[in-house]
Amino acid sequence: MAKKASAKKGAKIFKTKCSQCHTVEEGGPHKQGPNLYGFFGRQSGQADGYSYSAANKKSGVMWGEDTLFDYLENPKKYMKGTKMVFAGLKKPQDRKDLIAYLKESSSA
């Protein structure tokens, strides 16, 4: 049976792998990557004030658990032309945990 996703473990993953480029709090600044507050259920490339790659803006991806699970495994393969330099999270449980944290911490 699959392990339940842990937002607590996801927070640690975010801190070590994502926080150098992203923030999640409402009104948080854009860094190298966009602030992620409110991105669940939103189309990619939509955060105000962030300069997205054409690939991201044109992808039409709606961010949800399934799209994030696939994207976070290998962002450059999932969205060719993205400027996100992150190599990805190969372990499915790590992706589930990170998504649980993102869902909890970035929700409007």
C-alpha atoms as a PDB file:
ATOM      1  CA  MET A   1       0.000   0.000   0.000  1.00  0.00           C
ATOM      2  CA  ALA A   2       1.281   3.471  -0.873  1.00  0.00           C
ATOM      3  CA  LYS A   3       2.452   5.654   1.973  1.00  0.00           C
ATOM      4  CA  LYS A   4       0.380   8.720   2.789  1.00  0.00           C
ATOM      5  CA  ALA A   5       1.921  12.002   1.702  1.00  0.00           C
ATOM      6  CA  SER A   6       3.552  13.963   4.521  1.00  0.00           C
ATOM      7  CA  ALA A   7       3.391  17.768   4.340  1.00  0.00           C
ATOM      8  CA  LYS A   8       5.940  17.844   7.188  1.00  0.00           C
ATOM      9  CA  LYS A   9       8.468  15.879   5.110  1.00  0.00           C
ATOM     10  CA  GLY A  10       7.493  17.977   2.103  1.00  0.00           C
ATOM     11  CA  ALA A  11       8.382  21.141   4.042  1.00  0.00           C
ATOM     12  CA  LYS A  12      11.924  19.798   4.538  1.00  0.00           C
ATOM     13  CA  ILE A  13      12.186  18.979   0.835  1.00  0.00           C
ATOM     14  CA  PHE A  14      10.951  22.478  -0.056  1.00  0.00           C
ATOM     15  CA  LYS A  15      13.476  24.062   2.301  1.00  0.00           C
ATOM     16  CA  THR A  16      16.437  22.114   0.887  1.00  0.00           C
ATOM     17  CA  LYS A  17      15.465  21.877  -2.795  1.00  0.00           C
ATOM     18  CA  CYS A  18      13.067  24.723  -3.639  1.00  0.00           C
ATOM     19  CA  SER A  19      13.302  27.675  -1.241  1.00  0.00           C
ATOM     20  CA  GLN A  20      16.435  29.128  -2.817  1.00  0.00           C
ATOM     21  CA  CYS A  21      14.286  29.951  -5.901  1.00  0.00           C
ATOM     22  CA  HIS A  22      10.651  30.003  -4.651  1.00  0.00           C
ATOM     23  CA  THR A  23       8.506  31.416  -1.841  1.00  0.00           C
ATOM     24  CA  VAL A  24       5.034  30.128  -0.913  1.00  0.00           C
ATOM     25  CA  GLU A  25       3.527  32.745   1.401  1.00  0.00           C
ATOM     26  CA  GLU A  26       0.895  35.225   0.265  1.00  0.00           C
ATOM     27  CA  GLY A  27       2.602  38.362  -1.014  1.00  0.00           C
ATOM     28  CA  GLY A  28       5.999  36.635  -0.921  1.00  0.00           C
ATOM     29  CA  PRO A  29       8.629  37.877  -3.354  1.00  0.00           C
ATOM     30  CA  HIS A  30       9.565  36.319  -6.649  1.00  0.00           C
ATOM     31  CA  LYS A  31      13.122  35.008  -6.579  1.00  0.00           C
ATOM     32  CA  GLN A  32      14.815  33.194  -9.459  1.00  0.00           C
ATOM     33  CA  GLY A  33      11.463  31.369  -9.693  1.00  0.00           C
ATOM     34  CA  PRO A  34       7.967  32.767  -9.061  1.00  0.00           C
ATOM     35  CA  ASN A  35       6.174  32.968  -5.724  1.00  0.00           C
ATOM     36  CA  LEU A  36       3.914  29.888  -5.580  1.00  0.00           C
ATOM     37  CA  TYR A  37       1.061  31.229  -3.446  1.00  0.00           C
ATOM     38  CA  GLY A  38      -2.287  30.326  -5.011  1.00  0.00           C
ATOM     39  CA  PHE A  39      -0.811  28.391  -7.942  1.00  0.00           C
ATOM     40  CA  PHE A  40      -2.836  25.188  -7.334  1.00  0.00           C
ATOM     41  CA  GLY A  41      -5.601  25.000  -9.920  1.00  0.00           C
ATOM     42  CA  ARG A  42      -4.098  27.885 -11.896  1.00  0.00           C
ATOM     43  CA  GLN A  43      -2.629  27.717 -15.384  1.00  0.00           C
ATOM     44  CA  SER A  44       1.158  27.865 -15.625  1.00  0.00           C
ATOM     45  CA  GLY A  45       2.853  31.188 -16.292  1.00  0.00           C
ATOM     46  CA  GLN A  46       0.253  33.329 -14.501  1.00  0.00           C
ATOM     47  CA  ALA A  47       1.887  34.850 -11.374  1.00  0.00           C
ATOM     48  CA  ASP A  48       1.770  38.645 -11.681  1.00  0.00           C
ATOM     49  CA  GLY A  49       5.122  40.358 -11.985  1.00  0.00           C
ATOM     50  CA  TYR A  50       7.201  37.297 -12.877  1.00  0.00           C
ATOM     51  CA  SER A  51       8.946  36.939 -16.234  1.00  0.00           C
ATOM     52  CA  TYR A  52       8.147  33.406 -17.404  1.00  0.00           C
ATOM     53  CA  SER A  53       9.701  31.552 -20.311  1.00  0.00           C
ATOM     54  CA  ALA A  54       7.582  31.391 -23.470  1.00  0.00           C
ATOM     55  CA  ALA A  55       7.423  27.609 -22.962  1.00  0.00           C
ATOM     56  CA  ASN A  56       5.844  28.038 -19.540  1.00  0.00           C
ATOM     57  CA  LYS A  57       3.353  30.678 -20.680  1.00  0.00           C
ATOM     58  CA  LYS A  58       2.304  28.660 -23.743  1.00  0.00           C
ATOM     59  CA  SER A  59       2.196  25.223 -22.098  1.00  0.00           C
ATOM     60  CA  GLY A  60      -1.410  25.523 -20.919  1.00  0.00           C
ATOM     61  CA  VAL A  61      -0.638  23.276 -17.920  1.00  0.00           C
ATOM     62  CA  MET A  62      -3.155  23.493 -15.079  1.00  0.00           C
ATOM     63  CA  TRP A  63      -1.310  22.924 -11.811  1.00  0.00           C
ATOM     64  CA  GLY A  64      -2.747  20.104  -9.737  1.00  0.00           C
ATOM     65  CA  GLU A  65      -1.490  16.973  -8.003  1.00  0.00           C
ATOM     66  CA  ASP A  66      -1.138  14.923 -11.197  1.00  0.00           C
ATOM     67  CA  THR A  67       0.562  17.596 -13.312  1.00  0.00           C
ATOM     68  CA  LEU A  68       2.929  18.525 -10.469  1.00  0.00           C
ATOM     69  CA  PHE A  69       3.772  14.861  -9.833  1.00  0.00           C
ATOM     70  CA  ASP A  70       4.865  14.477 -13.467  1.00  0.00           C
ATOM     71  CA  TYR A  71       6.506  17.927 -13.731  1.00  0.00           C
ATOM     72  CA  LEU A  72       8.572  17.579 -10.550  1.00  0.00           C
ATOM     73  CA  GLU A  73      10.118  14.324 -11.734  1.00  0.00           C
ATOM     74  CA  ASN A  74      11.921  16.119 -14.581  1.00  0.00           C
ATOM     75  CA  PRO A  75      10.821  19.723 -15.265  1.00  0.00           C
ATOM     76  CA  LYS A  76      12.915  20.184 -18.430  1.00  0.00           C
ATOM     77  CA  LYS A  77      11.524  17.000 -19.992  1.00  0.00           C
ATOM     78  CA  TYR A  78       7.926  17.799 -18.989  1.00  0.00           C
ATOM     79  CA  MET A  79       8.035  21.407 -20.198  1.00  0.00           C
ATOM     80  CA  LYS A  80      10.621  21.759 -22.963  1.00  0.00           C
ATOM     81  CA  GLY A  81      12.105  25.260 -22.907  1.00  0.00           C
ATOM     82  CA  THR A  82      11.361  26.013 -19.243  1.00  0.00           C
ATOM     83  CA  LYS A  83      13.979  28.147 -17.525  1.00  0.00           C
ATOM     84  CA  MET A  84      13.615  26.153 -14.303  1.00  0.00           C
ATOM     85  CA  VAL A  85      17.068  24.656 -13.709  1.00  0.00           C
ATOM     86  CA  PHE A  86      15.947  22.109 -11.108  1.00  0.00           C
ATOM     87  CA  ALA A  87      16.886  18.528 -12.074  1.00  0.00           C
ATOM     88  CA  GLY A  88      13.776  17.028 -10.489  1.00  0.00           C
ATOM     89  CA  LEU A  89      12.814  14.629  -7.706  1.00  0.00           C
ATOM     90  CA  LYS A  90      13.186  11.023  -8.840  1.00  0.00           C
ATOM     91  CA  LYS A  91      11.519   9.377  -5.798  1.00  0.00           C
ATOM     92  CA  PRO A  92       7.710   9.271  -6.089  1.00  0.00           C
ATOM     93  CA  GLN A  93       7.280   9.592  -2.294  1.00  0.00           C
ATOM     94  CA  ASP A  94       9.397  12.766  -2.237  1.00  0.00           C
ATOM     95  CA  ARG A  95       7.175  14.268  -4.938  1.00  0.00           C
ATOM     96  CA  LYS A  96       3.997  13.288  -3.057  1.00  0.00           C
ATOM     97  CA  ASP A  97       5.342  14.805   0.173  1.00  0.00           C
ATOM     98  CA  LEU A  98       6.389  18.032  -1.563  1.00  0.00           C
ATOM     99  CA  ILE A  99       2.996  18.339  -3.281  1.00  0.00           C
ATOM    100  CA  ALA A 100       1.225  17.829   0.081  1.00  0.00           C
ATOM    101  CA  TYR A 101       3.313  20.654   1.543  1.00  0.00           C
ATOM    102  CA  LEU A 102       2.747  22.946  -1.449  1.00  0.00           C
ATOM    103  CA  LYS A 103      -0.981  22.325  -1.384  1.00  0.00           C
ATOM    104  CA  GLU A 104      -1.119  23.216   2.310  1.00  0.00           C
ATOM    105  CA  SER A 105       1.296  26.154   2.329  1.00  0.00           C
ATOM    106  CA  SER A 106       0.414  27.927  -0.919  1.00  0.00           C
ATOM    107  CA  SER A 107      -3.379  27.705  -0.765  1.00  0.00           C
ATOM    108  CA  ALA A 108      -5.390  30.883  -0.963  1.00  0.00           C
END
